[in-house]
């Protein structure tokens, strides 16, 4: 058994990773790096409240605790970083060393720094693979032929912006592009897109073309469905075998209650569902 590190942002995934790791007999050293992260860690955890900008303290905490393998999970947005606290010299030095200032490059640089200290960063799917679905329609409700076309169109669009590290979600209706995700995040993108659609909109969420499974794996949960239900979203399509569905089958049951069709999508699936 190991002493595993976890750098936790807001959301449900950090708690799921911590719980599964603890169930397997590991001790989890949790860094609550953003305010509101993982409010109820497993009782066997060791917990530190250290803002992610205090990077040197985070690295030292892991080393003092004997952590040689760590994970990152939760939502880390620029908005949270800019409003969360001061940035130490180590954090600023790592940022200054970047040639590109996009989100992926930023996180990868911090992962490299951990690994230089002998701390390997594992993939989220090592503990969250049970939250993924293979290709298929997950709900009793199925998309209409027009909505299948919108799913294929939305997938193409979402993959395009994901490749630019701009976002991972597109909202489409009858071939028209209602919204593309940017720094505002998935739920806000869903709300503004579905509101513009006035009912019947299709939401598509994908992974990046070369998704690094150590961070920012696409995720949907109750908030996703709530945003759609409140603004008239009709279909949610998620990229199969990689999108994390928080609560799994309970999520699908809730979608059915709300009248939202959910598709775990892979290219070409629409051809088998005309």
Protein backbone atom coordinates (compact mmCIF):
# COMPACT_ATOMS: atom_id res chain seq x y z
CA UNK A 1 0.00 0.00 0.00
CA UNK A 2 1.12 3.56 -0.72
CA UNK A 3 0.91 7.10 0.56
CA UNK A 4 -0.72 8.80 -2.42
CA UNK A 5 -0.92 12.53 -3.01
CA UNK A 6 -4.03 14.28 -4.31
CA UNK A 7 -4.13 17.91 -5.46
CA UNK A 8 -7.84 18.67 -5.21
CA UNK A 9 -9.93 21.37 -6.82
CA UNK A 10 -13.72 21.83 -6.48
CA UNK A 11 -16.08 19.15 -7.77
CA UNK A 12 -16.89 15.54 -6.95
CA UNK A 13 -13.98 13.75 -8.61
CA UNK A 14 -11.35 14.39 -5.91
CA UNK A 15 -13.61 12.82 -3.29
CA UNK A 16 -14.23 9.77 -5.48
CA UNK A 17 -10.51 9.26 -6.09
CA UNK A 18 -9.72 9.67 -2.39
CA UNK A 19 -12.46 7.24 -1.37
CA UNK A 20 -11.45 4.55 -3.88
CA UNK A 21 -7.78 4.85 -3.01
CA UNK A 22 -8.60 4.59 0.71
CA UNK A 23 -10.83 1.55 0.12
CA UNK A 24 -7.80 -0.17 -1.42
CA UNK A 25 -5.83 0.47 1.75
CA UNK A 26 -3.82 3.50 0.64
CA UNK A 27 -3.29 6.60 2.74
CA UNK A 28 -4.18 9.74 0.79
CA UNK A 29 -2.40 13.03 1.43
CA UNK A 30 -4.96 15.60 0.26
CA UNK A 31 -3.99 19.12 -0.73
CA UNK A 32 -7.16 21.25 -0.83
CA UNK A 33 -5.71 23.63 -3.40
CA UNK A 34 -8.85 25.70 -4.08
CA UNK A 35 -11.33 26.85 -1.43
CA UNK A 36 -14.29 24.47 -1.24
CA UNK A 37 -12.37 21.42 -2.46
CA UNK A 38 -13.20 17.93 -1.12
CA UNK A 39 -15.10 19.03 2.03
CA UNK A 40 -15.39 15.47 3.41
CA UNK A 41 -12.16 13.56 2.77
CA UNK A 42 -11.88 9.95 3.98
CA UNK A 43 -11.09 9.76 7.72
CA UNK A 44 -7.79 8.01 6.96
CA UNK A 45 -6.59 10.98 4.89
CA UNK A 46 -4.00 13.54 5.86
CA UNK A 47 -5.32 16.96 4.79
CA UNK A 48 -3.54 20.22 4.02
CA UNK A 49 -5.22 23.48 3.03
CA UNK A 50 -2.68 25.06 0.69
CA UNK A 51 -3.63 27.36 -2.18
CA UNK A 52 -2.31 26.04 -5.50
CA UNK A 53 -0.33 29.27 -5.95
CA UNK A 54 1.77 28.30 -2.90
CA UNK A 55 3.39 25.63 -5.02
CA UNK A 56 6.57 25.26 -3.00
CA UNK A 57 4.52 24.43 0.13
CA UNK A 58 2.59 21.78 -1.81
CA UNK A 59 5.74 20.07 -3.07
CA UNK A 60 7.33 20.17 0.40
CA UNK A 61 4.19 18.74 2.01
CA UNK A 62 4.22 15.77 -0.37
CA UNK A 63 7.92 15.15 0.21
CA UNK A 64 7.57 15.44 3.99
CA UNK A 65 4.72 12.90 3.84
CA UNK A 66 6.74 10.45 1.70
CA UNK A 67 4.48 10.77 -1.35
CA UNK A 68 5.98 9.39 -4.58
CA UNK A 69 2.77 9.12 -6.61
CA UNK A 70 0.11 11.81 -6.89
CA UNK A 71 -3.09 12.67 -8.74
CA UNK A 72 -4.81 15.88 -9.81
CA UNK A 73 -8.60 16.22 -9.90
CA UNK A 74 -11.27 18.88 -9.72
CA UNK A 75 -11.91 22.16 -11.47
CA UNK A 76 -8.97 24.53 -11.76
CA UNK A 77 -9.92 27.67 -13.68
CA UNK A 78 -7.99 30.86 -14.31
CA UNK A 79 -10.80 32.69 -12.53
CA UNK A 80 -10.15 30.66 -9.35
CA UNK A 81 -6.39 31.11 -9.63
CA UNK A 82 -6.56 34.87 -9.99
CA UNK A 83 -8.90 35.27 -7.04
CA UNK A 84 -7.56 32.62 -4.69
CA UNK A 85 -4.44 34.06 -3.13
CA UNK A 86 -0.80 35.02 -3.68
CA UNK A 87 1.61 33.18 -5.99
CA UNK A 88 4.95 32.17 -4.52
CA UNK A 89 8.32 32.49 -6.26
CA UNK A 90 8.36 28.85 -7.37
CA UNK A 91 4.92 29.14 -8.98
CA UNK A 92 5.88 32.36 -10.76
CA UNK A 93 9.17 30.88 -11.98
CA UNK A 94 7.43 27.87 -13.51
CA UNK A 95 4.91 30.10 -15.29
CA UNK A 96 7.69 32.39 -16.55
CA UNK A 97 9.52 29.40 -18.07
CA UNK A 98 6.61 28.59 -20.40
CA UNK A 99 6.84 29.30 -24.11
CA UNK A 100 3.08 28.91 -24.46
CA UNK A 101 0.66 30.14 -21.81
CA UNK A 102 -2.32 27.88 -22.59
CA UNK A 103 -3.93 25.76 -19.86
CA UNK A 104 -2.41 22.44 -20.96
CA UNK A 105 1.14 23.80 -21.06
CA UNK A 106 0.66 25.35 -17.64
CA UNK A 107 -0.52 22.15 -15.95
CA UNK A 108 2.08 20.02 -17.74
CA UNK A 109 4.84 22.29 -16.45
CA UNK A 110 3.72 21.76 -12.87
CA UNK A 111 3.51 18.01 -13.46
CA UNK A 112 7.09 18.09 -14.77
CA UNK A 113 8.16 19.92 -11.61
CA UNK A 114 6.58 17.25 -9.41
CA UNK A 115 8.27 14.51 -11.41
CA UNK A 116 11.62 16.30 -11.10
CA UNK A 117 11.09 15.93 -7.35
CA UNK A 118 10.49 12.19 -7.70
CA UNK A 119 6.67 12.39 -7.56
CA UNK A 120 4.97 10.61 -10.48
CA UNK A 121 1.55 11.96 -11.49
CA UNK A 122 -0.92 9.17 -12.34
CA UNK A 123 -3.89 9.22 -14.70
CA UNK A 124 -7.37 9.96 -13.37
CA UNK A 125 -8.77 6.81 -15.01
CA UNK A 126 -6.69 4.62 -12.70
CA UNK A 127 -9.36 5.29 -10.06
CA UNK A 128 -12.24 6.62 -12.17
CA UNK A 129 -12.52 4.14 -15.06
CA UNK A 130 -15.81 2.85 -13.61
CA UNK A 131 -17.38 6.22 -14.50
CA UNK A 132 -16.94 5.75 -18.28
CA UNK A 133 -19.41 4.25 -20.77
CA UNK A 134 -18.89 2.54 -24.13
CA UNK A 135 -20.69 3.77 -27.28
CA UNK A 136 -24.49 3.73 -27.29
CA UNK A 137 -27.68 5.47 -26.21
CA UNK A 138 -27.74 5.36 -22.41
CA UNK A 139 -31.33 6.52 -21.81
CA UNK A 140 -34.70 5.20 -22.94
CA UNK A 141 -35.18 8.49 -24.78
CA UNK A 142 -33.38 8.45 -28.14
CA UNK A 143 -32.35 11.36 -30.35
CA UNK A 144 -34.42 12.16 -33.42
CA UNK A 145 -32.77 11.90 -36.88
CA UNK A 146 -32.21 15.68 -36.83
CA UNK A 147 -30.61 15.47 -33.39
CA UNK A 148 -28.29 12.66 -34.52
CA UNK A 149 -27.05 15.02 -37.24
CA UNK A 150 -26.56 17.72 -34.62
CA UNK A 151 -24.57 15.30 -32.47
CA UNK A 152 -22.19 14.59 -35.35
CA UNK A 153 -21.91 18.31 -36.10
CA UNK A 154 -21.38 19.19 -32.45
CA UNK A 155 -18.71 16.51 -32.09
CA UNK A 156 -16.79 17.99 -35.02
CA UNK A 157 -17.03 21.50 -33.57
CA UNK A 158 -16.15 20.48 -30.02
CA UNK A 159 -13.13 18.52 -31.21
CA UNK A 160 -12.02 21.55 -33.17
CA UNK A 161 -12.04 23.94 -30.20
CA UNK A 162 -10.61 21.22 -27.92
CA UNK A 163 -7.64 20.94 -30.26
CA UNK A 164 -7.07 24.67 -29.76
CA UNK A 165 -7.26 24.26 -25.94
CA UNK A 166 -10.22 26.68 -25.96
CA UNK A 167 -12.96 24.42 -24.55
CA UNK A 168 -14.54 21.01 -24.96
CA UNK A 169 -18.28 21.66 -25.37
CA UNK A 170 -20.50 22.71 -28.28
CA UNK A 171 -24.25 23.44 -28.33
CA UNK A 172 -26.07 22.92 -31.64
CA UNK A 173 -29.63 22.98 -32.96
CA UNK A 174 -30.73 22.05 -36.47
CA UNK A 175 -27.16 22.51 -37.69
CA UNK A 176 -26.79 25.97 -36.19
CA UNK A 177 -24.00 26.66 -33.71
CA UNK A 178 -25.51 28.14 -30.54
CA UNK A 179 -22.45 28.19 -28.26
CA UNK A 180 -18.84 27.06 -28.03
CA UNK A 181 -17.06 26.72 -24.71
CA UNK A 182 -14.35 29.17 -23.69
CA UNK A 183 -13.09 30.29 -20.28
CA UNK A 184 -16.69 30.44 -18.99
CA UNK A 185 -16.80 26.64 -18.58
CA UNK A 186 -19.24 23.90 -19.52
CA UNK A 187 -22.30 24.83 -17.49
CA UNK A 188 -22.36 28.48 -18.56
CA UNK A 189 -21.83 27.41 -22.17
CA UNK A 190 -24.79 25.03 -21.90
CA UNK A 191 -27.01 27.72 -20.40
CA UNK A 192 -26.31 30.41 -22.96
CA UNK A 193 -26.52 27.95 -25.87
CA UNK A 194 -29.72 26.24 -24.80
CA UNK A 195 -31.38 29.57 -23.99
CA UNK A 196 -30.64 30.74 -27.52
CA UNK A 197 -32.11 27.50 -28.88
CA UNK A 198 -35.47 27.97 -27.10
CA UNK A 199 -35.79 24.21 -26.59
CA UNK A 200 -34.45 21.15 -28.40
CA UNK A 201 -30.73 22.00 -28.26
CA UNK A 202 -28.05 19.31 -28.44
CA UNK A 203 -25.03 19.55 -26.12
CA UNK A 204 -21.82 17.71 -27.07
CA UNK A 205 -18.82 17.30 -24.74
CA UNK A 206 -15.56 15.70 -25.87
CA UNK A 207 -11.97 15.02 -24.87
CA UNK A 208 -9.08 16.91 -26.40
CA UNK A 209 -7.58 15.23 -29.50
CA UNK A 210 -4.49 14.16 -27.51
CA UNK A 211 -6.09 14.15 -24.08
CA UNK A 212 -3.63 13.96 -21.20
CA UNK A 213 -5.40 11.58 -18.82
CA UNK A 214 -3.62 13.06 -15.83
CA UNK A 215 -5.82 16.18 -15.80
CA UNK A 216 -8.86 17.90 -17.29
CA UNK A 217 -10.55 14.67 -18.41
CA UNK A 218 -14.07 15.63 -19.65
CA UNK A 219 -16.68 15.19 -16.91
CA UNK A 220 -20.46 15.52 -16.63
CA UNK A 221 -22.67 15.38 -13.55
CA UNK A 222 -25.91 16.57 -12.01
CA UNK A 223 -25.01 20.21 -12.65
CA UNK A 224 -24.73 19.44 -16.36
CA UNK A 225 -28.24 18.00 -16.43
CA UNK A 226 -29.62 20.81 -14.28
CA UNK A 227 -28.20 23.43 -16.65
CA UNK A 228 -29.82 21.66 -19.60
CA UNK A 229 -33.18 21.09 -17.90
CA UNK A 230 -33.45 24.72 -16.82
CA UNK A 231 -32.72 26.06 -20.31
CA UNK A 232 -34.42 23.57 -22.61
CA UNK A 233 -31.57 21.23 -23.58
CA UNK A 234 -32.85 18.01 -25.16
CA UNK A 235 -29.82 15.78 -25.85
CA UNK A 236 -26.46 15.35 -24.16
CA UNK A 237 -23.77 13.55 -26.16
CA UNK A 238 -20.48 12.68 -24.44
CA UNK A 239 -17.42 11.13 -26.01
CA UNK A 240 -17.45 7.42 -25.24
CA UNK A 241 -14.85 5.52 -23.19
CA UNK A 242 -13.19 8.68 -21.84
CA UNK A 243 -15.85 11.07 -20.47
CA UNK A 244 -16.36 10.66 -16.73
CA UNK A 245 -20.02 10.40 -15.73
CA UNK A 246 -20.32 11.25 -12.04
CA UNK A 247 -22.78 8.86 -10.34
CA UNK A 248 -22.91 6.63 -13.42
CA UNK A 249 -26.28 4.90 -13.71
CA UNK A 250 -27.86 7.31 -11.24
CA UNK A 251 -26.94 10.08 -13.67
CA UNK A 252 -28.72 8.22 -16.47
CA UNK A 253 -31.81 7.71 -14.32
CA UNK A 254 -31.91 11.42 -13.49
CA UNK A 255 -31.59 12.29 -17.19
CA UNK A 256 -34.60 10.07 -17.92
CA UNK A 257 -36.61 11.81 -15.21
CA UNK A 258 -35.75 15.16 -16.80
CA UNK A 259 -36.59 13.97 -20.31
CA UNK A 260 -33.02 14.39 -21.58
CA UNK A 261 -31.56 11.82 -23.98
CA UNK A 262 -27.96 10.85 -23.21
CA UNK A 263 -25.65 9.35 -25.82
CA UNK A 264 -22.16 7.97 -25.24
CA UNK A 265 -20.90 8.91 -28.69
CA UNK A 266 -18.24 7.61 -31.04
CA UNK A 267 -17.94 8.81 -34.66
CA UNK A 268 -20.22 6.82 -36.94
CA UNK A 269 -22.71 5.89 -34.22
CA UNK A 270 -25.34 8.08 -35.90
CA UNK A 271 -25.14 5.86 -39.02
CA UNK A 272 -26.37 2.91 -36.94
CA UNK A 273 -29.19 4.99 -35.49
CA UNK A 274 -30.85 6.72 -38.49
